Amino acid sequence: RLLRASVKPCLVTPAQFRELHSLLLAYDGSG
């Protein structure tokens, strides 16, 4: 519900933490 209403960037995290060394970006040319 928050994600649907939010206007700010949101980071949704799983139950296990891991350091951020590798990022995957989904891109389709849309706005």
ModelCIF file with pLDDT and N, C-alpha, C, O atoms, coordinates in Angstrom:
data_MODEL
#
_entry.id   MODEL 
#
_entity.id                         1 
_entity.type                       polymer 
_entity.pdbx_number_of_molecules   1 
#
_entity_poly.entity_id                      1 
_entity_poly.type                           'polypeptide(L)' 
_entity_poly.nstd_linkage                   no 
_entity_poly.nstd_monomer                   no 
_entity_poly.pdbx_seq_one_letter_code       RLLRASVKPCLVTPAQFRELHSLLLAYDGSG 
_entity_poly.pdbx_seq_one_letter_code_can   RLLRASVKPCLVTPAQFRELHSLLLAYDGSG 
_entity_poly.pdbx_strand_id                 A 
#
loop_
_entity_poly_seq.entity_id 
_entity_poly_seq.num 
_entity_poly_seq.mon_id 
_entity_poly_seq.hetero 
1 1  ARG n 
1 2  LEU n 
1 3  LEU n 
1 4  ARG n 
1 5  ALA n 
1 6  SER n 
1 7  VAL n 
1 8  LYS n 
1 9  PRO n 
1 10 CYS n 
1 11 LEU n 
1 12 VAL n 
1 13 THR n 
1 14 PRO n 
1 15 ALA n 
1 16 GLN n 
1 17 PHE n 
1 18 ARG n 
1 19 GLU n 
1 20 LEU n 
1 21 HIS n 
1 22 SER n 
1 23 LEU n 
1 24 LEU n 
1 25 LEU n 
1 26 ALA n 
1 27 TYR n 
1 28 ASP n 
1 29 GLY n 
1 30 SER n 
1 31 GLY n 
#
_struct_asym.id          A 
_struct_asym.entity_id   1 
#
loop_
_ma_qa_metric.id 
_ma_qa_metric.mode 
_ma_qa_metric.name 
_ma_qa_metric.software_group_id 
_ma_qa_metric.type 
1 global pLDDT . pLDDT 
2 local  pLDDT . pLDDT 
#
_ma_qa_metric_global.metric_id      1 
_ma_qa_metric_global.metric_value   92.55 
_ma_qa_metric_global.model_id       1 
_ma_qa_metric_global.ordinal_id     1 
#
loop_
_ma_qa_metric_local.label_asym_id 
_ma_qa_metric_local.label_comp_id 
_ma_qa_metric_local.label_seq_id 
_ma_qa_metric_local.metric_id 
_ma_qa_metric_local.metric_value 
_ma_qa_metric_local.model_id 
_ma_qa_metric_local.ordinal_id 
A ARG 1  2 84.00 1 1  
A LEU 2  2 87.00 1 2  
A LEU 3  2 87.00 1 3  
A ARG 4  2 84.00 1 4  
A ALA 5  2 86.00 1 5  
A SER 6  2 89.00 1 6  
A VAL 7  2 89.00 1 7  
A LYS 8  2 93.00 1 8  
A PRO 9  2 95.00 1 9  
A CYS 10 2 96.00 1 10 
A LEU 11 2 97.00 1 11 
A VAL 12 2 96.00 1 12 
A THR 13 2 96.00 1 13 
A PRO 14 2 94.00 1 14 
A ALA 15 2 92.00 1 15 
A GLN 16 2 94.00 1 16 
A PHE 17 2 97.00 1 17 
A ARG 18 2 96.00 1 18 
A GLU 19 2 97.00 1 19 
A LEU 20 2 98.00 1 20 
A HIS 21 2 98.00 1 21 
A SER 22 2 98.00 1 22 
A LEU 23 2 98.00 1 23 
A LEU 24 2 98.00 1 24 
A LEU 25 2 97.00 1 25 
A ALA 26 2 94.00 1 26 
A TYR 27 2 94.00 1 27 
A ASP 28 2 88.00 1 28 
A GLY 29 2 88.00 1 29 
A SER 30 2 85.00 1 30 
A GLY 31 2 84.00 1 31 
#
loop_
_atom_site.group_PDB 
_atom_site.id 
_atom_site.type_symbol 
_atom_site.label_atom_id 
_atom_site.label_alt_id 
_atom_site.label_comp_id 
_atom_site.label_asym_id 
_atom_site.label_entity_id 
_atom_site.label_seq_id 
_atom_site.pdbx_PDB_ins_code 
_atom_site.Cartn_x 
_atom_site.Cartn_y 
_atom_site.Cartn_z 
_atom_site.occupancy 
_atom_site.B_iso_or_equiv 
_atom_site.pdbx_formal_charge 
_atom_site.auth_seq_id 
_atom_site.auth_comp_id 
_atom_site.auth_asym_id 
_atom_site.auth_atom_id 
_atom_site.pdbx_PDB_model_num 
ATOM 1   N N  . ARG A 1 1  ? 0.834  -1.206  0.000   1.00 84.00 ? 1  ARG A N  1 
ATOM 2   C CA . ARG A 1 1  ? 0.000  0.000   0.000   1.00 84.00 ? 1  ARG A CA 1 
ATOM 3   C C  . ARG A 1 1  ? 0.871  1.260   0.000   1.00 84.00 ? 1  ARG A C  1 
ATOM 4   O O  . ARG A 1 1  ? 0.553  2.246   -0.666  1.00 84.00 ? 1  ARG A O  1 
ATOM 5   N N  . LEU A 1 2  ? 1.961  1.215   0.746   1.00 87.00 ? 2  LEU A N  1 
ATOM 6   C CA . LEU A 1 2  ? 2.859  2.370   0.777   1.00 87.00 ? 2  LEU A CA 1 
ATOM 7   C C  . LEU A 1 2  ? 3.516  2.579   -0.580  1.00 87.00 ? 2  LEU A C  1 
ATOM 8   O O  . LEU A 1 2  ? 3.619  3.711   -1.055  1.00 87.00 ? 2  LEU A O  1 
ATOM 9   N N  . LEU A 1 3  ? 3.960  1.495   -1.206  1.00 87.00 ? 3  LEU A N  1 
ATOM 10  C CA . LEU A 1 3  ? 4.619  1.609   -2.502  1.00 87.00 ? 3  LEU A CA 1 
ATOM 11  C C  . LEU A 1 3  ? 3.681  2.182   -3.558  1.00 87.00 ? 3  LEU A C  1 
ATOM 12  O O  . LEU A 1 3  ? 4.119  2.916   -4.444  1.00 87.00 ? 3  LEU A O  1 
ATOM 13  N N  . ARG A 1 4  ? 2.418  1.861   -3.472  1.00 84.00 ? 4  ARG A N  1 
ATOM 14  C CA . ARG A 1 4  ? 1.453  2.379   -4.437  1.00 84.00 ? 4  ARG A CA 1 
ATOM 15  C C  . ARG A 1 4  ? 1.218  3.878   -4.237  1.00 84.00 ? 4  ARG A C  1 
ATOM 16  O O  . ARG A 1 4  ? 0.945  4.605   -5.192  1.00 84.00 ? 4  ARG A O  1 
ATOM 17  N N  . ALA A 1 5  ? 1.329  4.329   -2.983  1.00 86.00 ? 5  ALA A N  1 
ATOM 18  C CA . ALA A 1 5  ? 1.024  5.730   -2.671  1.00 86.00 ? 5  ALA A CA 1 
ATOM 19  C C  . ALA A 1 5  ? 2.260  6.625   -2.637  1.00 86.00 ? 5  ALA A C  1 
ATOM 20  O O  . ALA A 1 5  ? 2.146  7.845   -2.762  1.00 86.00 ? 5  ALA A O  1 
ATOM 21  N N  . SER A 1 6  ? 3.423  6.035   -2.471  1.00 89.00 ? 6  SER A N  1 
ATOM 22  C CA . SER A 1 6  ? 4.640  6.823   -2.293  1.00 89.00 ? 6  SER A CA 1 
ATOM 23  C C  . SER A 1 6  ? 5.031  7.575   -3.559  1.00 89.00 ? 6  SER A C  1 
ATOM 24  O O  . SER A 1 6  ? 4.749  7.136   -4.674  1.00 89.00 ? 6  SER A O  1 
ATOM 25  N N  . VAL A 1 7  ? 5.688  8.717   -3.362  1.00 89.00 ? 7  VAL A N  1 
ATOM 26  C CA . VAL A 1 7  ? 6.225  9.483   -4.489  1.00 89.00 ? 7  VAL A CA 1 
ATOM 27  C C  . VAL A 1 7  ? 7.752  9.552   -4.408  1.00 89.00 ? 7  VAL A C  1 
ATOM 28  O O  . VAL A 1 7  ? 8.383  10.239  -5.211  1.00 89.00 ? 7  VAL A O  1 
ATOM 29  N N  . LYS A 1 8  ? 8.342  8.853   -3.458  1.00 93.00 ? 8  LYS A N  1 
ATOM 30  C CA . LYS A 1 8  ? 9.788  8.866   -3.268  1.00 93.00 ? 8  LYS A CA 1 
ATOM 31  C C  . LYS A 1 8  ? 10.405 7.535   -3.678  1.00 93.00 ? 8  LYS A C  1 
ATOM 32  O O  . LYS A 1 8  ? 9.712  6.517   -3.681  1.00 93.00 ? 8  LYS A O  1 
ATOM 33  N N  . PRO A 1 9  ? 11.686 7.518   -4.023  1.00 95.00 ? 9  PRO A N  1 
ATOM 34  C CA . PRO A 1 9  ? 12.349 6.242   -4.288  1.00 95.00 ? 9  PRO A CA 1 
ATOM 35  C C  . PRO A 1 9  ? 12.236 5.323   -3.072  1.00 95.00 ? 9  PRO A C  1 
ATOM 36  O O  . PRO A 1 9  ? 12.393 5.767   -1.934  1.00 95.00 ? 9  PRO A O  1 
ATOM 37  N N  . CYS A 1 10 ? 11.965 4.051   -3.316  1.00 96.00 ? 10 CYS A N  1 
ATOM 38  C CA . CYS A 1 10 ? 11.797 3.088   -2.226  1.00 96.00 ? 10 CYS A CA 1 
ATOM 39  C C  . CYS A 1 10 ? 12.713 1.889   -2.430  1.00 96.00 ? 10 CYS A C  1 
ATOM 40  O O  . CYS A 1 10 ? 12.795 1.330   -3.523  1.00 96.00 ? 10 CYS A O  1 
ATOM 41  N N  . LEU A 1 11 ? 13.394 1.509   -1.365  1.00 97.00 ? 11 LEU A N  1 
ATOM 42  C CA . LEU A 1 11 ? 14.224 0.308   -1.381  1.00 97.00 ? 11 LEU A CA 1 
ATOM 43  C C  . LEU A 1 11 ? 13.509 -0.752  -0.559  1.00 97.00 ? 11 LEU A C  1 
ATOM 44  O O  . LEU A 1 11 ? 13.302 -0.580  0.642   1.00 97.00 ? 11 LEU A O  1 
ATOM 45  N N  . VAL A 1 12 ? 13.129 -1.854  -1.212  1.00 96.00 ? 12 VAL A N  1 
ATOM 46  C CA . VAL A 1 12 ? 12.429 -2.949  -0.543  1.00 96.00 ? 12 VAL A CA 1 
ATOM 47  C C  . VAL A 1 12 ? 13.416 -4.090  -0.370  1.00 96.00 ? 12 VAL A C  1 
ATOM 48  O O  . VAL A 1 12 ? 13.965 -4.599  -1.347  1.00 96.00 ? 12 VAL A O  1 
ATOM 49  N N  . THR A 1 13 ? 13.641 -4.493  0.884   1.00 96.00 ? 13 THR A N  1 
ATOM 50  C CA . THR A 1 13 ? 14.738 -5.416  1.188   1.00 96.00 ? 13 THR A CA 1 
ATOM 51  C C  . THR A 1 13 ? 14.234 -6.779  1.653   1.00 96.00 ? 13 THR A C  1 
ATOM 52  O O  . THR A 1 13 ? 13.188 -6.865  2.297   1.00 96.00 ? 13 THR A O  1 
ATOM 53  N N  . PRO A 1 14 ? 14.970 -7.850  1.330   1.00 94.00 ? 14 PRO A N  1 
ATOM 54  C CA . PRO A 1 14 ? 14.608 -9.206  1.769   1.00 94.00 ? 14 PRO A CA 1 
ATOM 55  C C  . PRO A 1 14 ? 15.081 -9.456  3.200   1.00 94.00 ? 14 PRO A C  1 
ATOM 56  O O  . PRO A 1 14 ? 15.553 -8.542  3.876   1.00 94.00 ? 14 PRO A O  1 
ATOM 57  N N  . ALA A 1 15 ? 14.950 -10.688 3.646   1.00 92.00 ? 15 ALA A N  1 
ATOM 58  C CA . ALA A 1 15 ? 15.251 -11.022 5.044   1.00 92.00 ? 15 ALA A CA 1 
ATOM 59  C C  . ALA A 1 15 ? 16.742 -11.157 5.324   1.00 92.00 ? 15 ALA A C  1 
ATOM 60  O O  . ALA A 1 15 ? 17.154 -11.124 6.484   1.00 92.00 ? 15 ALA A O  1 
ATOM 61  N N  . GLN A 1 16 ? 17.556 -11.309 4.287   1.00 94.00 ? 16 GLN A N  1 
ATOM 62  C CA . GLN A 1 16 ? 18.997 -11.486 4.467   1.00 94.00 ? 16 GLN A CA 1 
ATOM 63  C C  . GLN A 1 16 ? 19.758 -10.315 3.874   1.00 94.00 ? 16 GLN A C  1 
ATOM 64  O O  . GLN A 1 16 ? 19.479 -9.877  2.758   1.00 94.00 ? 16 GLN A O  1 
ATOM 65  N N  . PHE A 1 17 ? 20.728 -9.811  4.638   1.00 97.00 ? 17 PHE A N  1 
ATOM 66  C CA . PHE A 1 17 ? 21.543 -8.686  4.177   1.00 97.00 ? 17 PHE A CA 1 
ATOM 67  C C  . PHE A 1 17 ? 22.747 -9.178  3.384   1.00 97.00 ? 17 PHE A C  1 
ATOM 68  O O  . PHE A 1 17 ? 23.329 -10.218 3.691   1.00 97.00 ? 17 PHE A O  1 
ATOM 69  N N  . ARG A 1 18 ? 23.110 -8.410  2.357   1.00 96.00 ? 18 ARG A N  1 
ATOM 70  C CA . ARG A 1 18 ? 24.352 -8.665  1.619   1.00 96.00 ? 18 ARG A CA 1 
ATOM 71  C C  . ARG A 1 18 ? 24.903 -7.325  1.151   1.00 96.00 ? 18 ARG A C  1 
ATOM 72  O O  . ARG A 1 18 ? 24.145 -6.400  0.858   1.00 96.00 ? 18 ARG A O  1 
ATOM 73  N N  . GLU A 1 19 ? 26.214 -7.229  1.082   1.00 97.00 ? 19 GLU A N  1 
ATOM 74  C CA . GLU A 1 19 ? 26.855 -5.995  0.628   1.00 97.00 ? 19 GLU A CA 1 
ATOM 75  C C  . GLU A 1 19 ? 26.501 -5.738  -0.835  1.00 97.00 ? 19 GLU A C  1 
ATOM 76  O O  . GLU A 1 19 ? 26.274 -6.671  -1.606  1.00 97.00 ? 19 GLU A O  1 
ATOM 77  N N  . LEU A 1 20 ? 26.457 -4.469  -1.198  1.00 98.00 ? 20 LEU A N  1 
ATOM 78  C CA . LEU A 1 20 ? 26.050 -4.089  -2.548  1.00 98.00 ? 20 LEU A CA 1 
ATOM 79  C C  . LEU A 1 20 ? 27.274 -3.849  -3.431  1.00 98.00 ? 20 LEU A C  1 
ATOM 80  O O  . LEU A 1 20 ? 27.863 -2.767  -3.423  1.00 98.00 ? 20 LEU A O  1 
ATOM 81  N N  . HIS A 1 21 ? 27.642 -4.877  -4.189  1.00 98.00 ? 21 HIS A N  1 
ATOM 82  C CA . HIS A 1 21 ? 28.791 -4.780  -5.092  1.00 98.00 ? 21 HIS A CA 1 
ATOM 83  C C  . HIS A 1 21 ? 28.386 -4.846  -6.564  1.00 98.00 ? 21 HIS A C  1 
ATOM 84  O O  . HIS A 1 21 ? 29.122 -4.387  -7.437  1.00 98.00 ? 21 HIS A O  1 
ATOM 85  N N  . SER A 1 22 ? 27.207 -5.422  -6.834  1.00 98.00 ? 22 SER A N  1 
ATOM 86  C CA . SER A 1 22 ? 26.782 -5.651  -8.212  1.00 98.00 ? 22 SER A CA 1 
ATOM 87  C C  . SER A 1 22 ? 25.321 -5.262  -8.370  1.00 98.00 ? 22 SER A C  1 
ATOM 88  O O  . SER A 1 22 ? 24.459 -5.776  -7.656  1.00 98.00 ? 22 SER A O  1 
ATOM 89  N N  . LEU A 1 23 ? 25.035 -4.350  -9.310  1.00 98.00 ? 23 LEU A N  1 
ATOM 90  C CA . LEU A 1 23 ? 23.678 -3.846  -9.520  1.00 98.00 ? 23 LEU A CA 1 
ATOM 91  C C  . LEU A 1 23 ? 23.156 -4.301  -10.880 1.00 98.00 ? 23 LEU A C  1 
ATOM 92  O O  . LEU A 1 23 ? 23.877 -4.275  -11.877 1.00 98.00 ? 23 LEU A O  1 
ATOM 93  N N  . LEU A 1 24 ? 21.885 -4.719  -10.903 1.00 98.00 ? 24 LEU A N  1 
ATOM 94  C CA . LEU A 1 24 ? 21.202 -5.050  -12.150 1.00 98.00 ? 24 LEU A CA 1 
ATOM 95  C C  . LEU A 1 24 ? 20.123 -4.004  -12.394 1.00 98.00 ? 24 LEU A C  1 
ATOM 96  O O  . LEU A 1 24 ? 19.243 -3.808  -11.556 1.00 98.00 ? 24 LEU A O  1 
ATOM 97  N N  . LEU A 1 25 ? 20.189 -3.332  -13.541 1.00 97.00 ? 25 LEU A N  1 
ATOM 98  C CA . LEU A 1 25 ? 19.245 -2.273  -13.880 1.00 97.00 ? 25 LEU A CA 1 
ATOM 99  C C  . LEU A 1 25 ? 18.340 -2.735  -15.017 1.00 97.00 ? 25 LEU A C  1 
ATOM 100 O O  . LEU A 1 25 ? 18.821 -3.091  -16.093 1.00 97.00 ? 25 LEU A O  1 
ATOM 101 N N  . ALA A 1 26 ? 17.029 -2.730  -14.777 1.00 94.00 ? 26 ALA A N  1 
ATOM 102 C CA . ALA A 1 26 ? 16.066 -3.076  -15.817 1.00 94.00 ? 26 ALA A CA 1 
ATOM 103 C C  . ALA A 1 26 ? 15.735 -1.825  -16.612 1.00 94.00 ? 26 ALA A C  1 
ATOM 104 O O  . ALA A 1 26 ? 15.332 -0.808  -16.047 1.00 94.00 ? 26 ALA A O  1 
ATOM 105 N N  . TYR A 1 27 ? 15.909 -1.906  -17.937 1.00 94.00 ? 27 TYR A N  1 
ATOM 106 C CA . TYR A 1 27 ? 15.762 -0.715  -18.786 1.00 94.00 ? 27 TYR A CA 1 
ATOM 107 C C  . TYR A 1 27 ? 15.019 -1.072  -20.059 1.00 94.00 ? 27 TYR A C  1 
ATOM 108 O O  . TYR A 1 27 ? 15.380 -2.025  -20.749 1.00 94.00 ? 27 TYR A O  1 
ATOM 109 N N  . ASP A 1 28 ? 13.961 -0.293  -20.377 1.00 88.00 ? 28 ASP A N  1 
ATOM 110 C CA . ASP A 1 28 ? 13.217 -0.540  -21.613 1.00 88.00 ? 28 ASP A CA 1 
ATOM 111 C C  . ASP A 1 28 ? 13.017 0.718   -22.444 1.00 88.00 ? 28 ASP A C  1 
ATOM 112 O O  . ASP A 1 28 ? 12.256 0.701   -23.411 1.00 88.00 ? 28 ASP A O  1 
ATOM 113 N N  . GLY A 1 29 ? 13.680 1.797   -22.087 1.00 88.00 ? 29 GLY A N  1 
ATOM 114 C CA . GLY A 1 29 ? 13.572 3.028   -22.846 1.00 88.00 ? 29 GLY A CA 1 
ATOM 115 C C  . GLY A 1 29 ? 12.386 3.901   -22.476 1.00 88.00 ? 29 GLY A C  1 
ATOM 116 O O  . GLY A 1 29 ? 12.250 5.003   -23.008 1.00 88.00 ? 29 GLY A O  1 
ATOM 117 N N  . SER A 1 30 ? 11.517 3.434   -21.571 1.00 85.00 ? 30 SER A N  1 
ATOM 118 C CA . SER A 1 30 ? 10.360 4.220   -21.156 1.00 85.00 ? 30 SER A CA 1 
ATOM 119 C C  . SER A 1 30 ? 10.792 5.343   -20.221 1.00 85.00 ? 30 SER A C  1 
ATOM 120 O O  . SER A 1 30 ? 11.926 5.369   -19.741 1.00 85.00 ? 30 SER A O  1 
ATOM 121 N N  . GLY A 1 31 ? 9.868  6.273   -19.969 1.00 84.00 ? 31 GLY A N  1 
ATOM 122 C CA . GLY A 1 31 ? 10.188 7.385   -19.075 1.00 84.00 ? 31 GLY A CA 1 
ATOM 123 C C  . GLY A 1 31 ? 10.576 6.935   -17.690 1.00 84.00 ? 31 GLY A C  1 
ATOM 124 O O  . GLY A 1 31 ? 10.871 7.767   -16.831 1.00 84.00 ? 31 GLY A O  1 
#
